[in-house]
C-alpha atoms as a PDB file:
ATOM      1  CA  MET A   1       4.196 129.243 -26.504  1.00  0.00           C
ATOM      2  CA  PRO A   2       3.684 126.155 -28.051  1.00  0.00           C
ATOM      3  CA  ARG A   3       6.314 124.905 -30.582  1.00  0.00           C
ATOM      4  CA  ILE A   4       6.483 122.345 -33.642  1.00  0.00           C
ATOM      5  CA  PRO A   5       8.546 119.223 -32.470  1.00  0.00           C
ATOM      6  CA  ASN A   6      12.013 118.302 -33.486  1.00  0.00           C
ATOM      7  CA  THR A   7      13.264 115.818 -35.010  1.00  0.00           C
ATOM      8  CA  THR A   8      13.985 114.009 -31.451  1.00  0.00           C
ATOM      9  CA  ASP A   9      10.545 114.366 -30.321  1.00  0.00           C
ATOM     10  CA  ALA A  10       9.291 112.586 -33.742  1.00  0.00           C
ATOM     11  CA  ASN A  11       8.197 109.062 -33.135  1.00  0.00           C
ATOM     12  CA  GLY A  12       5.820 107.193 -35.373  1.00  0.00           C
ATOM     13  CA  ILE A  13       3.300 108.322 -38.261  1.00  0.00           C
ATOM     14  CA  TRP A  14       0.872 111.385 -38.256  1.00  0.00           C
ATOM     15  CA  ASP A  15      -1.770 112.695 -40.212  1.00  0.00           C
ATOM     16  CA  LEU A  16      -2.344 116.186 -40.954  1.00  0.00           C
ATOM     17  CA  ASN A  17      -4.569 116.454 -37.858  1.00  0.00           C
ATOM     18  CA  GLU A  18      -1.720 114.877 -35.779  1.00  0.00           C
ATOM     19  CA  GLN A  19       0.179 117.409 -36.802  1.00  0.00           C
ATOM     20  CA  ARG A  20      -1.563 120.408 -36.293  1.00  0.00           C
ATOM     21  CA  ASN A  21      -2.385 119.236 -33.069  1.00  0.00           C
ATOM     22  CA  ALA A  22       1.259 119.082 -32.040  1.00  0.00           C
ATOM     23  CA  ALA A  23       2.138 122.299 -33.263  1.00  0.00           C
ATOM     24  CA  TYR A  24      -0.253 123.977 -30.899  1.00  0.00           C
ATOM     25  CA  GLY A  25       0.779 121.889 -28.037  1.00  0.00           C
ATOM     26  CA  GLU A  26      -0.869 118.907 -28.340  1.00  0.00           C
ATOM     27  CA  VAL A  27       0.515 115.481 -27.535  1.00  0.00           C
ATOM     28  CA  TRP A  28       2.515 113.413 -30.364  1.00  0.00           C
ATOM     29  CA  PRO A  29       0.994 109.876 -30.874  1.00  0.00           C
ATOM     30  CA  LEU A  30       2.510 106.872 -30.273  1.00  0.00           C
ATOM     31  CA  PRO A  31       4.845 105.331 -32.486  1.00  0.00           C
ATOM     32  CA  PHE A  32       2.843 103.669 -35.352  1.00  0.00           C
ATOM     33  CA  VAL A  33       3.301  99.775 -34.927  1.00  0.00           C
ATOM     34  CA  PRO A  34       2.166  98.057 -38.585  1.00  0.00           C
ATOM     35  CA  ILE A  35       0.510  94.993 -39.349  1.00  0.00           C
ATOM     36  CA  PRO A  36       3.119  92.380 -40.112  1.00  0.00           C
ATOM     37  CA  ALA A  37       3.028  91.481 -43.685  1.00  0.00           C
ATOM     38  CA  TRP A  38       2.398  87.922 -43.401  1.00  0.00           C
ATOM     39  CA  ALA A  39      -0.147  87.840 -40.945  1.00  0.00           C
ATOM     40  CA  GLY A  40      -4.032  87.561 -41.827  1.00  0.00           C
ATOM     41  CA  ASP A  41      -7.493  85.814 -41.229  1.00  0.00           C
ATOM     42  CA  ARG A  42      -7.342  82.891 -43.484  1.00  0.00           C
ATOM     43  CA  TYR A  43      -6.564  79.690 -41.599  1.00  0.00           C
ATOM     44  CA  PHE A  44      -5.043  76.658 -43.370  1.00  0.00           C
ATOM     45  CA  SER A  45      -4.761  72.902 -42.946  1.00  0.00           C
ATOM     46  CA  TYR A  46      -3.430  70.443 -45.452  1.00  0.00           C
ATOM     47  CA  SER A  47      -2.143  66.807 -45.640  1.00  0.00           C
ATOM     48  CA  GLY A  48      -1.861  64.677 -42.165  1.00  0.00           C
ATOM     49  CA  TYR A  49      -2.690  61.561 -41.929  1.00  0.00           C
ATOM     50  CA  GLY A  50      -6.464  60.304 -41.037  1.00  0.00           C
ATOM     51  CA  SER A  51      -9.678  59.066 -42.866  1.00  0.00           C
ATOM     52  CA  GLY A  52      -8.455  60.277 -46.507  1.00  0.00           C
ATOM     53  CA  GLY A  53      -6.315  59.761 -49.087  1.00  0.00           C
ATOM     54  CA  SER A  54      -4.141  56.563 -49.826  1.00  0.00           C
ATOM     55  CA  SER A  55      -3.898  54.078 -47.121  1.00  0.00           C
ATOM     56  CA  GLY A  56      -5.082  56.924 -44.830  1.00  0.00           C
ATOM     57  CA  TYR A  57      -2.619  59.698 -45.649  1.00  0.00           C
ATOM     58  CA  GLN A  58      -4.170  63.112 -46.689  1.00  0.00           C
ATOM     59  CA  ILE A  59      -3.583  64.913 -49.569  1.00  0.00           C
ATOM     60  CA  ARG A  60      -6.073  67.505 -49.619  1.00  0.00           C
ATOM     61  CA  TYR A  61      -5.739  71.337 -48.248  1.00  0.00           C
ATOM     62  CA  GLU A  62      -9.140  73.426 -47.050  1.00  0.00           C
ATOM     63  CA  TYR A  63      -9.161  76.921 -45.680  1.00  0.00           C
ATOM     64  CA  CYS A  64     -11.243  79.025 -43.315  1.00  0.00           C
ATOM     65  CA  ASN A  65     -11.663  82.984 -43.936  1.00  0.00           C
ATOM     66  CA  SER A  66     -13.307  83.625 -40.569  1.00  0.00           C
ATOM     67  CA  VAL A  67     -11.049  84.468 -37.667  1.00  0.00           C
ATOM     68  CA  THR A  68     -14.035  83.251 -35.611  1.00  0.00           C
ATOM     69  CA  LEU A  69     -14.228  79.940 -37.493  1.00  0.00           C
ATOM     70  CA  ALA A  70     -18.030  81.006 -38.028  1.00  0.00           C
ATOM     71  CA  SER A  71     -18.113  79.931 -41.193  1.00  0.00           C
ATOM     72  CA  ALA A  72     -17.295  76.129 -42.386  1.00  0.00           C
ATOM     73  CA  TRP A  73     -13.726  75.150 -43.561  1.00  0.00           C
ATOM     74  CA  THR A  74     -13.920  75.315 -47.413  1.00  0.00           C
ATOM     75  CA  ILE A  75     -12.188  72.627 -49.293  1.00  0.00           C
ATOM     76  CA  PRO A  76     -11.078  74.458 -52.913  1.00  0.00           C
ATOM     77  CA  SER A  77     -12.685  72.472 -55.506  1.00  0.00           C
ATOM     78  CA  THR A  78     -10.822  69.132 -56.120  1.00  0.00           C
ATOM     79  CA  TYR A  79      -7.468  70.286 -55.774  1.00  0.00           C
ATOM     80  CA  THR A  80      -5.362  68.164 -54.298  1.00  0.00           C
ATOM     81  CA  MET A  81      -1.280  68.620 -52.816  1.00  0.00           C
ATOM     82  CA  ASN A  82       0.719  66.916 -55.071  1.00  0.00           C
ATOM     83  CA  TRP A  83       1.591  63.587 -53.029  1.00  0.00           C
ATOM     84  CA  TYR A  84       0.450  61.796 -50.271  1.00  0.00           C
ATOM     85  CA  GLN A  85       2.142  62.677 -46.967  1.00  0.00           C
ATOM     86  CA  ARG A  86       1.946  63.245 -43.194  1.00  0.00           C
ATOM     87  CA  TRP A  87       4.287  64.854 -40.458  1.00  0.00           C
ATOM     88  CA  ASN A  88       5.361  67.692 -42.690  1.00  0.00           C
ATOM     89  CA  TYR A  89       5.000  70.760 -40.009  1.00  0.00           C
ATOM     90  CA  THR A  90       7.003  73.132 -42.525  1.00  0.00           C
ATOM     91  CA  GLY A  91       4.226  75.183 -43.892  1.00  0.00           C
ATOM     92  CA  LYS A  92       4.428  78.250 -41.338  1.00  0.00           C
ATOM     93  CA  MET A  93       6.748  79.419 -43.958  1.00  0.00           C
ATOM     94  CA  SER A  94       4.687  82.071 -45.400  1.00  0.00           C
ATOM     95  CA  ASN A  95       4.307  85.655 -46.577  1.00  0.00           C
ATOM     96  CA  GLN A  96       0.550  85.161 -47.059  1.00  0.00           C
ATOM     97  CA  ALA A  97       0.841  84.921 -50.935  1.00  0.00           C
ATOM     98  CA  ARG A  98       2.672  81.908 -50.640  1.00  0.00           C
ATOM     99  CA  ILE A  99       3.269  78.675 -48.236  1.00  0.00           C
ATOM    100  CA  VAL A 100       6.225  77.062 -48.322  1.00  0.00           C
ATOM    101  CA  ASN A 101       6.541  73.146 -47.602  1.00  0.00           C
ATOM    102  CA  ALA A 102       9.426  71.089 -47.138  1.00  0.00           C
ATOM    103  CA  GLY A 103      10.422  67.756 -46.278  1.00  0.00           C
ATOM    104  CA  GLY A 104       7.421  64.938 -45.109  1.00  0.00           C
ATOM    105  CA  TYR A 105       7.150  61.305 -44.372  1.00  0.00           C
ATOM    106  CA  ALA A 106       5.358  59.923 -48.184  1.00  0.00           C
ATOM    107  CA  ASN A 107       2.738  56.900 -48.441  1.00  0.00           C
ATOM    108  CA  TRP A 108       5.169  54.428 -49.668  1.00  0.00           C
ATOM    109  CA  GLY A 109       7.077  54.308 -46.396  1.00  0.00           C
ATOM    110  CA  SER A 110      10.073  56.893 -46.475  1.00  0.00           C
ATOM    111  CA  ALA A 111      10.745  60.682 -45.779  1.00  0.00           C
ATOM    112  CA  GLN A 112      11.123  62.947 -48.818  1.00  0.00           C
ATOM    113  CA  ASN A 113      13.536  66.060 -49.528  1.00  0.00           C
ATOM    114  CA  TRP A 114      10.877  67.704 -51.858  1.00  0.00           C
ATOM    115  CA  ILE A 115      10.169  71.399 -51.584  1.00  0.00           C
ATOM    116  CA  TYR A 116       6.442  72.853 -52.700  1.00  0.00           C
ATOM    117  CA  TYR A 117       4.287  75.639 -52.397  1.00  0.00           C
ATOM    118  CA  LEU A 118       0.778  76.831 -52.571  1.00  0.00           C
ATOM    119  CA  THR A 119      -0.215  80.030 -53.853  1.00  0.00           C
ATOM    120  CA  THR A 120      -2.975  81.413 -52.226  1.00  0.00           C
ATOM    121  CA  ALA A 121      -4.989  83.273 -54.731  1.00  0.00           C
ATOM    122  CA  THR A 122      -5.586  80.484 -56.938  1.00  0.00           C
ATOM    123  CA  PHE A 123      -5.838  77.420 -54.753  1.00  0.00           C
ATOM    124  CA  ALA A 124      -4.284  75.700 -57.783  1.00  0.00           C
ATOM    125  CA  TYR A 125      -2.475  72.036 -57.041  1.00  0.00           C
ATOM    126  CA  SER A 126       0.741  72.447 -54.947  1.00  0.00           C
ATOM    127  CA  THR A 127       3.959  73.495 -57.271  1.00  0.00           C
ATOM    128  CA  SER A 128       7.598  72.140 -56.681  1.00  0.00           C
ATOM    129  CA  PHE A 129       9.557  75.251 -55.295  1.00  0.00           C
ATOM    130  CA  GLY A 130      12.461  74.380 -57.814  1.00  0.00           C
ATOM    131  CA  ALA A 131      14.606  72.640 -55.405  1.00  0.00           C
ATOM    132  CA  TYR A 132      15.137  69.891 -53.137  1.00  0.00           C
ATOM    133  CA  ALA A 133      16.252  69.827 -49.739  1.00  0.00           C
ATOM    134  CA  PRO A 134      19.915  68.548 -48.879  1.00  0.00           C
ATOM    135  CA  TYR A 135      18.440  65.329 -47.638  1.00  0.00           C
ATOM    136  CA  SER A 136      15.082  63.335 -46.948  1.00  0.00           C
ATOM    137  CA  PHE A 137      13.640  64.491 -43.581  1.00  0.00           C
ATOM    138  CA  TYR A 138       9.927  64.631 -41.820  1.00  0.00           C
ATOM    139  CA  ALA A 139       8.617  66.131 -38.427  1.00  0.00           C
ATOM    140  CA  ALA A 140      10.827  69.409 -38.874  1.00  0.00           C
ATOM    141  CA  ARG A 141       9.537  72.592 -38.157  1.00  0.00           C
ATOM    142  CA  GLY A 142       9.042  75.927 -39.918  1.00  0.00           C
ATOM    143  CA  GLY A 143       8.311  79.666 -39.171  1.00  0.00           C
ATOM    144  CA  SER A 144       8.892  83.031 -41.182  1.00  0.00           C
ATOM    145  CA  ASP A 145       9.192  86.630 -40.579  1.00  0.00           C
ATOM    146  CA  GLY A 146       7.622  86.967 -44.004  1.00  0.00           C
ATOM    147  CA  THR A 147      10.473  87.035 -45.953  1.00  0.00           C
ATOM    148  CA  THR A 148      12.713  84.545 -44.839  1.00  0.00           C
ATOM    149  CA  GLY A 149      11.464  80.973 -44.552  1.00  0.00           C
ATOM    150  CA  ILE A 150      13.101  78.684 -41.445  1.00  0.00           C
ATOM    151  CA  TYR A 151      12.940  75.286 -41.249  1.00  0.00           C
ATOM    152  CA  GLY A 152      14.602  72.808 -38.593  1.00  0.00           C
ATOM    153  CA  GLY A 153      15.650  70.241 -36.808  1.00  0.00           C
ATOM    154  CA  GLY A 154      13.089  66.593 -37.295  1.00  0.00           C
ATOM    155  CA  TYR A 155      14.207  63.115 -37.987  1.00  0.00           C
ATOM    156  CA  ASN A 156      16.851  62.636 -40.918  1.00  0.00           C
ATOM    157  CA  TRP A 157      16.032  59.982 -43.111  1.00  0.00           C
ATOM    158  CA  THR A 158      19.307  59.783 -44.634  1.00  0.00           C
ATOM    159  CA  SER A 159      21.531  59.731 -41.285  1.00  0.00           C
ATOM    160  CA  GLY A 160      18.598  57.974 -39.253  1.00  0.00           C
ATOM    161  CA  GLY A 161      18.032  59.591 -36.150  1.00  0.00           C
ATOM    162  CA  PRO A 162      16.808  63.550 -35.106  1.00  0.00           C
ATOM    163  CA  THR A 163      18.859  66.387 -36.365  1.00  0.00           C
ATOM    164  CA  SER A 164      19.515  69.980 -35.596  1.00  0.00           C
ATOM    165  CA  ASN A 165      20.482  71.383 -39.041  1.00  0.00           C
ATOM    166  CA  LYS A 166      18.221  74.391 -40.175  1.00  0.00           C
ATOM    167  CA  ASN A 167      17.735  75.611 -43.622  1.00  0.00           C
ATOM    168  CA  LYS A 168      16.458  78.853 -45.130  1.00  0.00           C
ATOM    169  CA  ILE A 169      14.405  79.817 -48.157  1.00  0.00           C
ATOM    170  CA  THR A 170      13.706  83.268 -49.719  1.00  0.00           C
ATOM    171  CA  ILE A 171       9.973  82.792 -49.984  1.00  0.00           C
ATOM    172  CA  ALA A 172       8.897  85.184 -52.993  1.00  0.00           C
ATOM    173  CA  SER A 173      11.423  83.391 -54.890  1.00  0.00           C
ATOM    174  CA  THR A 174      12.559  79.763 -55.588  1.00  0.00           C
ATOM    175  CA  GLY A 175      15.550  78.066 -55.917  1.00  0.00           C
ATOM    176  CA  THR A 176      17.574  76.177 -53.617  1.00  0.00           C
ATOM    177  CA  SER A 177      17.489  76.056 -49.276  1.00  0.00           C
ATOM    178  CA  THR A 178      20.998  77.223 -48.056  1.00  0.00           C
ATOM    179  CA  ALA A 179      22.515  75.774 -44.695  1.00  0.00           C
ATOM    180  CA  HIS A 180      21.496  77.833 -41.668  1.00  0.00           C
ATOM    181  CA  GLY A 181      23.040  77.118 -38.608  1.00  0.00           C
ATOM    182  CA  SER A 182      21.467  74.791 -36.120  1.00  0.00           C
ATOM    183  CA  LEU A 183      19.030  74.651 -33.288  1.00  0.00           C
ATOM    184  CA  TYR A 184      20.006  74.012 -29.814  1.00  0.00           C
ATOM    185  CA  GLY A 185      19.595  70.432 -29.789  1.00  0.00           C
ATOM    186  CA  THR A 186      18.158  68.061 -31.887  1.00  0.00           C
ATOM    187  CA  ARG A 187      14.204  68.097 -32.261  1.00  0.00           C
ATOM    188  CA  ASP A 188      11.957  65.552 -33.687  1.00  0.00           C
ATOM    189  CA  LYS A 189       8.376  66.387 -33.758  1.00  0.00           C
ATOM    190  CA  GLY A 190       8.856  69.453 -31.225  1.00  0.00           C
ATOM    191  CA  GLY A 191       7.116  72.809 -31.514  1.00  0.00           C
ATOM    192  CA  SER A 192       7.586  76.217 -33.549  1.00  0.00           C
ATOM    193  CA  ALA A 193       6.582  79.737 -33.574  1.00  0.00           C
ATOM    194  CA  SER A 194       7.887  82.909 -35.314  1.00  0.00           C
ATOM    195  CA  GLY A 195       7.184  86.573 -35.883  1.00  0.00           C
ATOM    196  CA  ALA A 196       8.616  89.531 -36.944  1.00  0.00           C
ATOM    197  CA  THR A 197      11.901  88.669 -34.964  1.00  0.00           C
ATOM    198  CA  TYR A 198      11.933  85.627 -33.219  1.00  0.00           C
ATOM    199  CA  PHE A 199      11.658  82.261 -34.793  1.00  0.00           C
ATOM    200  CA  CYS A 200      11.285  79.667 -31.886  1.00  0.00           C
ATOM    201  CA  THR A 201      11.519  75.731 -31.229  1.00  0.00           C
ATOM    202  CA  PHE A 202       9.923  73.561 -28.633  1.00  0.00           C
ATOM    203  CA  GLY A 203      10.462  70.519 -26.959  1.00  0.00           C
ATOM    204  CA  GLY A 204      10.282  67.588 -29.152  1.00  0.00           C
ATOM    205  CA  THR A 205      12.692  63.825 -29.027  1.00  0.00           C
ATOM    206  CA  SER A 206      16.482  63.994 -28.808  1.00  0.00           C
ATOM    207  CA  SER A 207      19.104  61.591 -29.952  1.00  0.00           C
ATOM    208  CA  SER A 208      19.203  60.570 -26.700  1.00  0.00           C
ATOM    209  CA  SER A 209      16.289  61.545 -24.446  1.00  0.00           C
ATOM    210  CA  ALA A 210      13.675  64.105 -24.832  1.00  0.00           C
ATOM    211  CA  ASN A 211      14.232  67.490 -25.615  1.00  0.00           C
ATOM    212  CA  THR A 212      12.802  70.261 -22.576  1.00  0.00           C
ATOM    213  CA  ASN A 213      14.143  73.216 -23.386  1.00  0.00           C
ATOM    214  CA  TRP A 214      13.072  75.749 -26.112  1.00  0.00           C
ATOM    215  CA  ASP A 215      15.272  78.082 -28.226  1.00  0.00           C
ATOM    216  CA  TYR A 216      15.585  80.957 -30.668  1.00  0.00           C
ATOM    217  CA  GLU A 217      17.310  82.651 -33.431  1.00  0.00           C
ATOM    218  CA  THR A 218      16.546  86.385 -34.709  1.00  0.00           C
ATOM    219  CA  PHE A 219      15.707  86.551 -38.468  1.00  0.00           C
ATOM    220  CA  ALA A 220      17.911  89.520 -38.598  1.00  0.00           C
ATOM    221  CA  THR A 221      21.247  87.850 -37.791  1.00  0.00           C
ATOM    222  CA  GLY A 222      20.099  84.310 -38.135  1.00  0.00           C
ATOM    223  CA  GLY A 223      22.683  81.379 -37.665  1.00  0.00           C
ATOM    224  CA  THR A 224      22.975  78.595 -34.559  1.00  0.00           C
ATOM    225  CA  SER A 225      19.858  79.599 -32.388  1.00  0.00           C
ATOM    226  CA  THR A 226      20.242  80.160 -28.687  1.00  0.00           C
ATOM    227  CA  ASN A 227      18.676  78.535 -25.695  1.00  0.00           C
ATOM    228  CA  ALA A 228      15.465  80.088 -24.077  1.00  0.00           C
ATOM    229  CA  GLY A 229      15.415  78.263 -21.167  1.00  0.00           C
ATOM    230  CA  ASN A 230      13.293  75.129 -20.024  1.00  0.00           C
ATOM    231  CA  LEU A 231       9.471  74.418 -21.127  1.00  0.00           C
ATOM    232  CA  GLU A 232       8.783  74.510 -17.485  1.00  0.00           C
ATOM    233  CA  GLY A 233       9.846  74.479 -14.022  1.00  0.00           C
ATOM    234  CA  GLY A 234      10.305  71.601 -11.072  1.00  0.00           C
ATOM    235  CA  GLY A 235       8.110  68.082 -11.376  1.00  0.00           C
ATOM    236  CA  SER A 236       8.991  65.695 -14.208  1.00  0.00           C
ATOM    237  CA  PRO A 237       9.670  67.691 -16.918  1.00  0.00           C
ATOM    238  CA  ARG A 238       7.373  67.816 -19.951  1.00  0.00           C
ATOM    239  CA  TYR A 239       8.947  67.074 -23.755  1.00  0.00           C
ATOM    240  CA  ASN A 240       6.059  67.780 -25.644  1.00  0.00           C
ATOM    241  CA  PHE A 241       6.145  65.501 -28.607  1.00  0.00           C
ATOM    242  CA  ASP A 242       3.935  66.307 -31.400  1.00  0.00           C
ATOM    243  CA  CYS A 243       3.127  69.991 -29.908  1.00  0.00           C
ATOM    244  CA  ASP A 244       2.967  73.326 -31.854  1.00  0.00           C
ATOM    245  CA  ALA A 245       2.814  77.264 -31.040  1.00  0.00           C
ATOM    246  CA  ILE A 246       1.581  80.003 -31.673  1.00  0.00           C
ATOM    247  CA  ASP A 247       3.128  83.430 -31.762  1.00  0.00           C
ATOM    248  CA  GLY A 248       1.214  86.654 -30.316  1.00  0.00           C
ATOM    249  CA  GLY A 249       2.444  88.746 -33.608  1.00  0.00           C
ATOM    250  CA  LEU A 250       4.571  91.940 -34.192  1.00  0.00           C
ATOM    251  CA  GLY A 251       4.982  93.759 -31.346  1.00  0.00           C
ATOM    252  CA  SER A 252       4.005  91.055 -28.967  1.00  0.00           C
ATOM    253  CA  SER A 253       6.308  88.878 -26.472  1.00  0.00           C
ATOM    254  CA  ARG A 254       3.278  86.065 -26.038  1.00  0.00           C
ATOM    255  CA  ILE A 255       4.016  82.723 -27.425  1.00  0.00           C
ATOM    256  CA  VAL A 256       1.518  80.288 -26.574  1.00  0.00           C
ATOM    257  CA  LEU A 257       2.570  76.404 -26.661  1.00  0.00           C
ATOM    258  CA  ALA A 258      -0.693  74.033 -27.171  1.00  0.00           C
ATOM    259  CA  GLY A 259      -1.026  70.192 -26.318  1.00  0.00           C
ATOM    260  CA  GLY A 260       1.378  67.531 -27.124  1.00  0.00           C
ATOM    261  CA  ALA A 261       2.173  64.557 -25.589  1.00  0.00           C
ATOM    262  CA  TRP A 262       3.641  64.055 -22.326  1.00  0.00           C
ATOM    263  CA  GLN A 263       6.868  62.362 -21.275  1.00  0.00           C
ATOM    264  CA  GLY A 264       4.986  59.964 -19.400  1.00  0.00           C
ATOM    265  CA  GLY A 265       2.410  59.259 -21.701  1.00  0.00           C
ATOM    266  CA  GLY A 266      -0.866  60.227 -22.656  1.00  0.00           C
ATOM    267  CA  HIS A 267      -2.014  63.376 -24.569  1.00  0.00           C
ATOM    268  CA  ALA A 268      -1.923  66.996 -23.256  1.00  0.00           C
ATOM    269  CA  ASN A 269      -4.485  69.606 -22.995  1.00  0.00           C
ATOM    270  CA  ALA A 270      -2.119  72.556 -21.482  1.00  0.00           C
ATOM    271  CA  MET A 271      -1.272  75.447 -22.393  1.00  0.00           C
ATOM    272  CA  PHE A 272       1.655  77.261 -21.689  1.00  0.00           C
ATOM    273  CA  HIS A 273       2.691  80.953 -22.273  1.00  0.00           C
ATOM    274  CA  TYR A 274       6.158  81.828 -23.314  1.00  0.00           C
ATOM    275  CA  THR A 275       7.929  85.046 -23.580  1.00  0.00           C
ATOM    276  CA  THR A 276      10.071  86.922 -25.956  1.00  0.00           C
ATOM    277  CA  ALA A 277      10.771  89.354 -23.255  1.00  0.00           C
ATOM    278  CA  SER A 278      12.628  87.792 -20.572  1.00  0.00           C
ATOM    279  CA  TRP A 279      12.738  84.228 -22.003  1.00  0.00           C
ATOM    280  CA  GLY A 280      12.592  81.371 -19.394  1.00  0.00           C
ATOM    281  CA  VAL A 281      10.603  78.847 -17.955  1.00  0.00           C
ATOM    282  CA  GLY A 282       6.832  78.985 -19.181  1.00  0.00           C
ATOM    283  CA  THR A 283       3.797  79.444 -17.312  1.00  0.00           C
ATOM    284  CA  ASP A 284       0.899  77.145 -17.045  1.00  0.00           C
ATOM    285  CA  TYR A 285      -2.157  79.167 -17.339  1.00  0.00           C
ATOM    286  CA  GLY A 286      -4.824  77.383 -18.564  1.00  0.00           C
ATOM    287  CA  ASN A 287      -6.499  74.379 -20.633  1.00  0.00           C
ATOM    288  CA  MET A 288      -7.550  73.391 -24.142  1.00  0.00           C
ATOM    289  CA  ALA A 289     -11.194  72.332 -24.446  1.00  0.00           C
ATOM    290  CA  ASN A 290      -9.597  68.733 -25.091  1.00  0.00           C
ATOM    291  CA  ALA A 291      -6.382  67.025 -25.106  1.00  0.00           C
ATOM    292  CA  ARG A 292      -4.863  66.433 -28.288  1.00  0.00           C
ATOM    293  CA  GLU A 293      -1.350  66.103 -29.815  1.00  0.00           C
ATOM    294  CA  ALA A 294       0.044  66.687 -33.529  1.00  0.00           C
ATOM    295  CA  ASN A 295      -2.467  69.321 -33.571  1.00  0.00           C
ATOM    296  CA  SER A 296      -1.946  72.512 -36.219  1.00  0.00           C
ATOM    297  CA  THR A 297      -1.375  75.755 -35.294  1.00  0.00           C
ATOM    298  CA  THR A 298      -1.504  79.346 -36.218  1.00  0.00           C
ATOM    299  CA  GLY A 299      -2.714  83.047 -35.347  1.00  0.00           C
ATOM    300  CA  ASN A 300      -3.256  86.301 -36.242  1.00  0.00           C
ATOM    301  CA  GLY A 301      -1.719  88.337 -33.547  1.00  0.00           C
ATOM    302  CA  THR A 302      -5.036  88.666 -31.440  1.00  0.00           C
ATOM    303  CA  TYR A 303      -6.427  84.785 -31.870  1.00  0.00           C
ATOM    304  CA  GLY A 304      -4.900  81.782 -32.055  1.00  0.00           C
ATOM    305  CA  MET A 305      -6.317  78.697 -33.360  1.00  0.00           C
ATOM    306  CA  ILE A 306      -5.826  74.956 -33.003  1.00  0.00           C
ATOM    307  CA  ALA A 307      -7.208  72.282 -35.534  1.00  0.00           C
ATOM    308  CA  GLY A 308      -7.135  68.778 -35.807  1.00  0.00           C
ATOM    309  CA  GLY A 309      -4.725  66.285 -34.133  1.00  0.00           C
ATOM    310  CA  GLN A 310      -4.763  63.097 -32.367  1.00  0.00           C
ATOM    311  CA  GLY A 311      -6.987  63.175 -28.988  1.00  0.00           C
ATOM    312  CA  LEU A 312      -8.750  61.040 -26.939  1.00  0.00           C
ATOM    313  CA  SER A 313     -11.367  59.926 -29.376  1.00  0.00           C
ATOM    314  CA  ALA A 314      -8.395  59.026 -32.153  1.00  0.00           C
ATOM    315  CA  TYR A 315      -8.054  61.607 -34.632  1.00  0.00           C
ATOM    316  CA  GLU A 316      -9.615  65.178 -34.084  1.00  0.00           C
ATOM    317  CA  SER A 317     -11.545  67.108 -36.729  1.00  0.00           C
ATOM    318  CA  GLY A 318     -12.590  69.981 -34.372  1.00  0.00           C
ATOM    319  CA  THR A 319     -11.115  73.419 -34.396  1.00  0.00           C
ATOM    320  CA  LEU A 320     -10.609  75.271 -30.773  1.00  0.00           C
ATOM    321  CA  LEU A 321     -10.085  79.504 -30.919  1.00  0.00           C
ATOM    322  CA  PHE A 322      -8.230  81.377 -27.791  1.00  0.00           C
ATOM    323  CA  ASN A 323      -7.635  85.021 -27.206  1.00  0.00           C
ATOM    324  CA  ILE A 324      -3.563  85.688 -27.588  1.00  0.00           C
ATOM    325  CA  GLY A 325      -3.961  88.815 -25.901  1.00  0.00           C
ATOM    326  CA  THR A 326      -6.154  87.524 -22.882  1.00  0.00           C
ATOM    327  CA  LEU A 327      -4.551  84.142 -22.412  1.00  0.00           C
ATOM    328  CA  ALA A 328      -8.372  82.948 -22.681  1.00  0.00           C
ATOM    329  CA  LEU A 329      -8.895  78.960 -22.605  1.00  0.00           C
ATOM    330  CA  ALA A 330      -8.919  77.644 -26.140  1.00  0.00           C
ATOM    331  CA  THR A 331     -12.855  76.511 -26.791  1.00  0.00           C
ATOM    332  CA  VAL A 332     -14.633  74.521 -29.561  1.00  0.00           C
ATOM    333  CA  GLY A 333     -14.766  76.613 -32.429  1.00  0.00           C
ATOM    334  CA  ALA A 334     -18.014  76.772 -34.596  1.00  0.00           C
ATOM    335  CA  ASN A 335     -17.096  74.363 -37.285  1.00  0.00           C
ATOM    336  CA  ALA A 336     -14.726  71.380 -37.694  1.00  0.00           C
ATOM    337  CA  LEU A 337     -12.571  70.925 -40.640  1.00  0.00           C
ATOM    338  CA  ASN A 338     -14.566  68.993 -43.519  1.00  0.00           C
ATOM    339  CA  TYR A 339     -12.452  66.852 -44.949  1.00  0.00           C
ATOM    340  CA  GLY A 340     -12.226  63.694 -42.376  1.00  0.00           C
ATOM    341  CA  VAL A 341      -9.774  64.307 -39.522  1.00  0.00           C
ATOM    342  CA  THR A 342      -6.174  65.188 -39.700  1.00  0.00           C
ATOM    343  CA  THR A 343      -3.186  64.706 -37.684  1.00  0.00           C
ATOM    344  CA  ASN A 344       0.129  64.848 -37.854  1.00  0.00           C
ATOM    345  CA  GLY A 345      -0.643  67.539 -40.572  1.00  0.00           C
ATOM    346  CA  ALA A 346       0.888  71.041 -41.322  1.00  0.00           C
ATOM    347  CA  GLY A 347      -1.518  73.823 -40.531  1.00  0.00           C
ATOM    348  CA  VAL A 348      -0.828  77.469 -41.237  1.00  0.00           C
ATOM    349  CA  GLY A 349      -2.430  80.212 -41.368  1.00  0.00           C
ATOM    350  CA  ASN A 350      -0.111  83.502 -42.826  1.00  0.00           C
ATOM    351  CA  GLN A 351       2.509  83.611 -40.126  1.00  0.00           C
END
């Protein structure tokens, strides 16, 4: 006779019909996997270096609400960032309601240590986070799990070289960032990806040579990052100066590294797949529609988006889209960035 399953059978969340089916001998549903709180279909790109702002520094930000990029990118009224800057890659510190950015290279010719945030519901000017980073820097990389924001690496303007330092913040509140261990080696203008569990950084330049590995930490334990493996195996190693990565979302082990600059020079159109299930060397599976570095990337767990960057035609304004699940090639999206072009910028979705 069918029985009601006991607690050792139970996994996930069930509605009343599923409970009834289980009581009469049906199969219990698979474990429920929630959508991460910071995932969504709204994409942001802001700041950078291109055709607008003071001496070419971008200060406006814009967004797209369409996962297919079928609708045009929008500049919210006349709002701008509060300062002209570029190389501010830490905007992946986001909880969907708030995007936090730390550091950057300002238009007066030096790095700064400000922490600012944008409120996505109002699209007002960027607002002070209420604290300063412990030193002036640019080209660090950021990430979050929807609660904690982490930024690490970059060029330490105070000491005069690439750094491995990491700091963290609580995104929903304001206040001083705190020291948070170190990366596996120094990274300047590397890449980053983050999701519900891991914060990973990729490549970049180090204090003495190219950084050819990637690393990770868990948001649950934090602290110093662990070496995950090399960027690729065999031949001349790639260090992906000015690259960026897209995480596959909660429940996915897939990370895609897009573009960058090769160690021997030139822009890259390669897309490499890495996995948090086994770590190790990445797999080269396909290309972007055109080569670019300093591009902004984000994803919603299903689609990955690549915007702007520096390519063969100098500064790129076009957007590229690909399917994270099928690892399809990144093709040109329906629309481009509205306000000039952007390179060395900070792009963020809700991850």
